[in-house]
Amino acid sequence: MHPTAFIAPGAVVLGDVTLSAHASVWYGAVLRGDMAAIMVGENTNLQDGTIVHVDERLPARIGARVGVGHRAILHGCTVEDDCLIGMGSVLLNGVHIGTGSVVAAGAVVPEDARVPPGSLVVGVPARVTRPVDDALRERIRGTWEHYVAEARRHRAGAFPIAGTSL
């Protein structure tokens, strides 16, 4: 784990997990690298309740500057750099999300799906609906920048947790 990475109290990070500079794992998230590796890139955030798990043959790779929304599930998949994975979305085994893509909240990306770079993916099952525009690119950037700043504040104790001595 990089010394600037942040793991919130109550998050579980176990096994073969690499957290790069300024990566953050938020409250209630679970990263289980028990059967294969989980790699998280710089400035990437795994928000509250996110689950990242692997398969014996499929590690999880999450690139740099990625925002993974609350309660998302990423299982044995690859997410390239500069992506936004929406709240409650599910990425199944073998999924590959191309650079600069957005997976909408609640979308389910089926096993072995390949999402081209710069795509907006929506629905159950998820389908590419259009290219990512400038507004979505700005949202991706704004999300990771926000969480890098929030991690600094939380690490510094700006928000004491009831019943703890943090």
C-alpha atoms as a PDB file:
ATOM      1  CA  MET A   1       0.000   0.000   0.000  1.00  0.00           C
ATOM      2  CA  HIS A   2       1.339   3.415  -0.923  1.00  0.00           C
ATOM      3  CA  PRO A   3       1.755   5.674   2.146  1.00  0.00           C
ATOM      4  CA  THR A   4      -0.617   8.285   0.667  1.00  0.00           C
ATOM      5  CA  ALA A   5      -3.421   5.745   0.106  1.00  0.00           C
ATOM      6  CA  PHE A   6      -6.406   5.972   2.465  1.00  0.00           C
ATOM      7  CA  ILE A   7      -8.415   3.083   3.901  1.00  0.00           C
ATOM      8  CA  ALA A   8     -11.430   4.242   5.914  1.00  0.00           C
ATOM      9  CA  PRO A   9     -12.267   2.569   9.206  1.00  0.00           C
ATOM     10  CA  GLY A  10     -14.672  -0.296   8.582  1.00  0.00           C
ATOM     11  CA  ALA A  11     -13.339  -1.039   5.111  1.00  0.00           C
ATOM     12  CA  VAL A  12     -11.851  -4.503   4.591  1.00  0.00           C
ATOM     13  CA  VAL A  13      -8.749  -4.901   2.421  1.00  0.00           C
ATOM     14  CA  LEU A  14      -7.244  -8.385   2.429  1.00  0.00           C
ATOM     15  CA  GLY A  15      -4.965 -10.603   0.419  1.00  0.00           C
ATOM     16  CA  ASP A  16      -3.025  -9.514  -2.644  1.00  0.00           C
ATOM     17  CA  VAL A  17      -4.157  -5.881  -2.949  1.00  0.00           C
ATOM     18  CA  THR A  18      -2.056  -2.995  -4.284  1.00  0.00           C
ATOM     19  CA  LEU A  19      -3.203   0.561  -3.585  1.00  0.00           C
ATOM     20  CA  SER A  20      -1.306   3.230  -5.520  1.00  0.00           C
ATOM     21  CA  ALA A  21      -0.646   6.844  -4.530  1.00  0.00           C
ATOM     22  CA  HIS A  22      -3.711   8.739  -3.302  1.00  0.00           C
ATOM     23  CA  ALA A  23      -6.036   5.769  -3.887  1.00  0.00           C
ATOM     24  CA  SER A  24      -8.892   5.631  -1.379  1.00  0.00           C
ATOM     25  CA  VAL A  25     -11.100   2.836  -0.051  1.00  0.00           C
ATOM     26  CA  TRP A  26     -14.161   4.175   1.745  1.00  0.00           C
ATOM     27  CA  TYR A  27     -16.383   3.073   4.626  1.00  0.00           C
ATOM     28  CA  GLY A  28     -17.850  -0.399   4.305  1.00  0.00           C
ATOM     29  CA  ALA A  29     -15.962  -1.255   1.110  1.00  0.00           C
ATOM     30  CA  VAL A  30     -14.518  -4.759   0.727  1.00  0.00           C
ATOM     31  CA  LEU A  31     -11.482  -5.617  -1.427  1.00  0.00           C
ATOM     32  CA  ARG A  32     -10.894  -9.375  -1.308  1.00  0.00           C
ATOM     33  CA  GLY A  33      -7.697 -10.334  -3.073  1.00  0.00           C
ATOM     34  CA  ASP A  34      -7.820 -13.883  -1.743  1.00  0.00           C
ATOM     35  CA  MET A  35      -7.732 -15.821  -5.047  1.00  0.00           C
ATOM     36  CA  ALA A  36      -5.945 -13.346  -7.329  1.00  0.00           C
ATOM     37  CA  ALA A  37      -4.551  -9.820  -7.219  1.00  0.00           C
ATOM     38  CA  ILE A  38      -6.448  -6.545  -6.991  1.00  0.00           C
ATOM     39  CA  MET A  39      -4.600  -3.512  -8.347  1.00  0.00           C
ATOM     40  CA  VAL A  40      -5.914   0.021  -7.763  1.00  0.00           C
ATOM     41  CA  GLY A  41      -4.329   2.941  -9.632  1.00  0.00           C
ATOM     42  CA  GLU A  42      -3.347   6.396  -8.414  1.00  0.00           C
ATOM     43  CA  ASN A  43      -6.074   8.857  -7.439  1.00  0.00           C
ATOM     44  CA  THR A  44      -8.731   6.131  -7.747  1.00  0.00           C
ATOM     45  CA  ASN A  45     -11.568   5.960  -5.223  1.00  0.00           C
ATOM     46  CA  LEU A  46     -13.667   2.965  -4.216  1.00  0.00           C
ATOM     47  CA  GLN A  47     -16.626   4.566  -2.508  1.00  0.00           C
ATOM     48  CA  ASP A  48     -18.716   3.361   0.432  1.00  0.00           C
ATOM     49  CA  GLY A  49     -20.015  -0.202   0.156  1.00  0.00           C
ATOM     50  CA  THR A  50     -18.061  -1.065  -2.995  1.00  0.00           C
ATOM     51  CA  ILE A  51     -17.084  -4.722  -3.382  1.00  0.00           C
ATOM     52  CA  VAL A  52     -14.067  -5.785  -5.438  1.00  0.00           C
ATOM     53  CA  HIS A  53     -13.440  -9.522  -5.710  1.00  0.00           C
ATOM     54  CA  VAL A  54     -11.525 -11.807  -8.026  1.00  0.00           C
ATOM     55  CA  ASP A  55     -11.621 -15.254  -9.579  1.00  0.00           C
ATOM     56  CA  GLU A  56      -8.657 -17.655  -9.586  1.00  0.00           C
ATOM     57  CA  ARG A  57      -8.057 -16.877 -13.238  1.00  0.00           C
ATOM     58  CA  LEU A  58      -9.195 -13.255 -13.217  1.00  0.00           C
ATOM     59  CA  PRO A  59      -7.553 -10.506 -11.166  1.00  0.00           C
ATOM     60  CA  ALA A  60      -9.209  -7.105 -10.780  1.00  0.00           C
ATOM     61  CA  ARG A  61      -7.373  -4.151 -12.309  1.00  0.00           C
ATOM     62  CA  ILE A  62      -8.668  -0.646 -11.722  1.00  0.00           C
ATOM     63  CA  GLY A  63      -6.689   2.089 -13.441  1.00  0.00           C
ATOM     64  CA  ALA A  64      -5.698   5.600 -12.416  1.00  0.00           C
ATOM     65  CA  ARG A  65      -8.183   8.421 -11.824  1.00  0.00           C
ATOM     66  CA  VAL A  66     -11.218   6.130 -11.617  1.00  0.00           C
ATOM     67  CA  GLY A  67     -14.286   6.846  -9.491  1.00  0.00           C
ATOM     68  CA  VAL A  68     -16.194   3.751  -8.379  1.00  0.00           C
ATOM     69  CA  GLY A  69     -19.587   4.751  -6.970  1.00  0.00           C
ATOM     70  CA  HIS A  70     -21.229   3.610  -3.757  1.00  0.00           C
ATOM     71  CA  ARG A  71     -22.292  -0.058  -3.636  1.00  0.00           C
ATOM     72  CA  ALA A  72     -20.774  -0.978  -7.009  1.00  0.00           C
ATOM     73  CA  ILE A  73     -19.554  -4.564  -7.512  1.00  0.00           C
ATOM     74  CA  LEU A  74     -16.443  -5.256  -9.588  1.00  0.00           C
ATOM     75  CA  HIS A  75     -15.632  -8.935 -10.012  1.00  0.00           C
ATOM     76  CA  GLY A  76     -12.570 -10.170 -11.886  1.00  0.00           C
ATOM     77  CA  CYS A  77     -12.618  -7.264 -14.331  1.00  0.00           C
ATOM     78  CA  THR A  78     -10.443  -4.511 -15.784  1.00  0.00           C
ATOM     79  CA  VAL A  79     -11.281  -0.806 -15.685  1.00  0.00           C
ATOM     80  CA  GLU A  80      -8.799   1.370 -17.569  1.00  0.00           C
ATOM     81  CA  ASP A  81      -7.794   4.928 -16.603  1.00  0.00           C
ATOM     82  CA  ASP A  82     -10.100   7.953 -16.330  1.00  0.00           C
ATOM     83  CA  CYS A  83     -13.400   6.085 -15.930  1.00  0.00           C
ATOM     84  CA  LEU A  84     -16.480   6.563 -13.781  1.00  0.00           C
ATOM     85  CA  ILE A  85     -18.319   3.471 -12.540  1.00  0.00           C
ATOM     86  CA  GLY A  86     -21.784   4.472 -11.325  1.00  0.00           C
ATOM     87  CA  MET A  87     -23.414   3.708  -8.005  1.00  0.00           C
ATOM     88  CA  GLY A  88     -24.857   0.214  -7.715  1.00  0.00           C
ATOM     89  CA  SER A  89     -23.435  -0.940 -11.026  1.00  0.00           C
ATOM     90  CA  VAL A  90     -22.113  -4.482 -11.503  1.00  0.00           C
ATOM     91  CA  LEU A  91     -19.116  -5.490 -13.637  1.00  0.00           C
ATOM     92  CA  LEU A  92     -18.906  -9.269 -13.999  1.00  0.00           C
ATOM     93  CA  ASN A  93     -15.956 -11.597 -14.671  1.00  0.00           C
ATOM     94  CA  GLY A  94     -13.836 -10.770 -17.681  1.00  0.00           C
ATOM     95  CA  VAL A  95     -15.348  -7.322 -18.307  1.00  0.00           C
ATOM     96  CA  HIS A  96     -12.970  -4.758 -19.818  1.00  0.00           C
ATOM     97  CA  ILE A  97     -13.936  -1.069 -19.580  1.00  0.00           C
ATOM     98  CA  GLY A  98     -11.950   1.134 -21.976  1.00  0.00           C
ATOM     99  CA  THR A  99     -10.195   4.368 -21.006  1.00  0.00           C
ATOM    100  CA  GLY A 100     -12.433   7.375 -20.417  1.00  0.00           C
ATOM    101  CA  SER A 101     -15.690   5.404 -20.250  1.00  0.00           C
ATOM    102  CA  VAL A 102     -18.679   5.844 -17.941  1.00  0.00           C
ATOM    103  CA  VAL A 103     -20.834   2.994 -16.636  1.00  0.00           C
ATOM    104  CA  ALA A 104     -24.181   4.440 -15.540  1.00  0.00           C
ATOM    105  CA  ALA A 105     -25.601   3.859 -12.074  1.00  0.00           C
ATOM    106  CA  GLY A 106     -27.348   0.498 -11.781  1.00  0.00           C
ATOM    107  CA  ALA A 107     -25.951  -0.888 -15.038  1.00  0.00           C
ATOM    108  CA  VAL A 108     -25.001  -4.567 -15.202  1.00  0.00           C
ATOM    109  CA  VAL A 109     -22.112  -5.232 -17.580  1.00  0.00           C
ATOM    110  CA  PRO A 110     -22.305  -8.928 -18.582  1.00  0.00           C
ATOM    111  CA  GLU A 111     -19.448 -11.397 -18.354  1.00  0.00           C
ATOM    112  CA  ASP A 112     -16.599 -10.907 -20.848  1.00  0.00           C
ATOM    113  CA  ALA A 113     -18.085  -7.681 -22.299  1.00  0.00           C
ATOM    114  CA  ARG A 114     -15.618  -5.223 -23.826  1.00  0.00           C
ATOM    115  CA  VAL A 115     -16.539  -1.543 -23.641  1.00  0.00           C
ATOM    116  CA  PRO A 116     -14.662   0.630 -26.163  1.00  0.00           C
ATOM    117  CA  PRO A 117     -12.743   3.670 -24.872  1.00  0.00           C
ATOM    118  CA  GLY A 118     -14.811   6.812 -24.369  1.00  0.00           C
ATOM    119  CA  SER A 119     -18.197   5.059 -24.178  1.00  0.00           C
ATOM    120  CA  LEU A 120     -21.280   5.656 -22.026  1.00  0.00           C
ATOM    121  CA  VAL A 121     -22.748   2.304 -20.951  1.00  0.00           C
ATOM    122  CA  VAL A 122     -26.317   2.086 -19.627  1.00  0.00           C
ATOM    123  CA  GLY A 123     -28.883  -0.537 -18.670  1.00  0.00           C
ATOM    124  CA  VAL A 124     -29.461  -4.167 -17.739  1.00  0.00           C
ATOM    125  CA  PRO A 125     -27.812  -5.728 -19.573  1.00  0.00           C
ATOM    126  CA  ALA A 126     -25.550  -2.759 -20.201  1.00  0.00           C
ATOM    127  CA  ARG A 127     -25.128  -1.421 -23.736  1.00  0.00           C
ATOM    128  CA  VAL A 128     -23.089   1.398 -25.204  1.00  0.00           C
ATOM    129  CA  THR A 129     -25.476   4.295 -25.852  1.00  0.00           C
ATOM    130  CA  ARG A 130     -23.160   7.097 -26.998  1.00  0.00           C
ATOM    131  CA  PRO A 131     -19.670   8.545 -26.733  1.00  0.00           C
ATOM    132  CA  VAL A 132     -18.638  10.306 -23.530  1.00  0.00           C
ATOM    133  CA  ASP A 133     -18.912  14.072 -24.010  1.00  0.00           C
ATOM    134  CA  ASP A 134     -16.965  16.931 -22.436  1.00  0.00           C
ATOM    135  CA  ALA A 135     -19.454  17.252 -19.548  1.00  0.00           C
ATOM    136  CA  LEU A 136     -18.972  13.605 -18.574  1.00  0.00           C
ATOM    137  CA  ARG A 137     -15.196  13.884 -18.917  1.00  0.00           C
ATOM    138  CA  GLU A 138     -15.314  16.820 -16.506  1.00  0.00           C
ATOM    139  CA  ARG A 139     -17.451  14.760 -14.112  1.00  0.00           C
ATOM    140  CA  ILE A 140     -14.873  11.961 -14.156  1.00  0.00           C
ATOM    141  CA  ARG A 141     -12.109  14.445 -13.318  1.00  0.00           C
ATOM    142  CA  GLY A 142     -14.189  16.207 -10.675  1.00  0.00           C
ATOM    143  CA  THR A 143     -15.018  12.918  -8.954  1.00  0.00           C
ATOM    144  CA  TRP A 144     -11.470  11.708  -8.479  1.00  0.00           C
ATOM    145  CA  GLU A 145     -10.213  15.174  -7.509  1.00  0.00           C
ATOM    146  CA  HIS A 146     -12.969  15.460  -4.885  1.00  0.00           C
ATOM    147  CA  TYR A 147     -12.132  12.087  -3.345  1.00  0.00           C
ATOM    148  CA  VAL A 148      -8.391  12.783  -3.203  1.00  0.00           C
ATOM    149  CA  ALA A 149      -9.189  15.938  -1.195  1.00  0.00           C
ATOM    150  CA  GLU A 150     -11.766  14.148   0.993  1.00  0.00           C
ATOM    151  CA  ALA A 151      -9.301  11.375   1.823  1.00  0.00           C
ATOM    152  CA  ARG A 152      -6.854  13.987   3.129  1.00  0.00           C
ATOM    153  CA  ARG A 153      -9.577  15.484   5.335  1.00  0.00           C
ATOM    154  CA  HIS A 154     -10.750  12.130   6.675  1.00  0.00           C
ATOM    155  CA  ARG A 155      -7.187  10.958   7.360  1.00  0.00           C
ATOM    156  CA  ALA A 156      -6.579  14.199   9.291  1.00  0.00           C
ATOM    157  CA  GLY A 157      -9.564  13.439  11.546  1.00  0.00           C
ATOM    158  CA  ALA A 158     -11.899  16.147  10.247  1.00  0.00           C
ATOM    159  CA  PHE A 159     -14.844  13.814  10.846  1.00  0.00           C
ATOM    160  CA  PRO A 160     -14.528  11.879  14.121  1.00  0.00           C
ATOM    161  CA  ILE A 161     -16.381   8.577  14.131  1.00  0.00           C
ATOM    162  CA  ALA A 162     -18.746   8.071  17.072  1.00  0.00           C
ATOM    163  CA  GLY A 163     -17.527   5.420  19.500  1.00  0.00           C
ATOM    164  CA  THR A 164     -13.925   5.469  18.277  1.00  0.00           C
ATOM    165  CA  SER A 165     -10.770   7.195  19.357  1.00  0.00           C
ATOM    166  CA  LEU A 166      -9.657   8.244  15.850  1.00  0.00           C
END
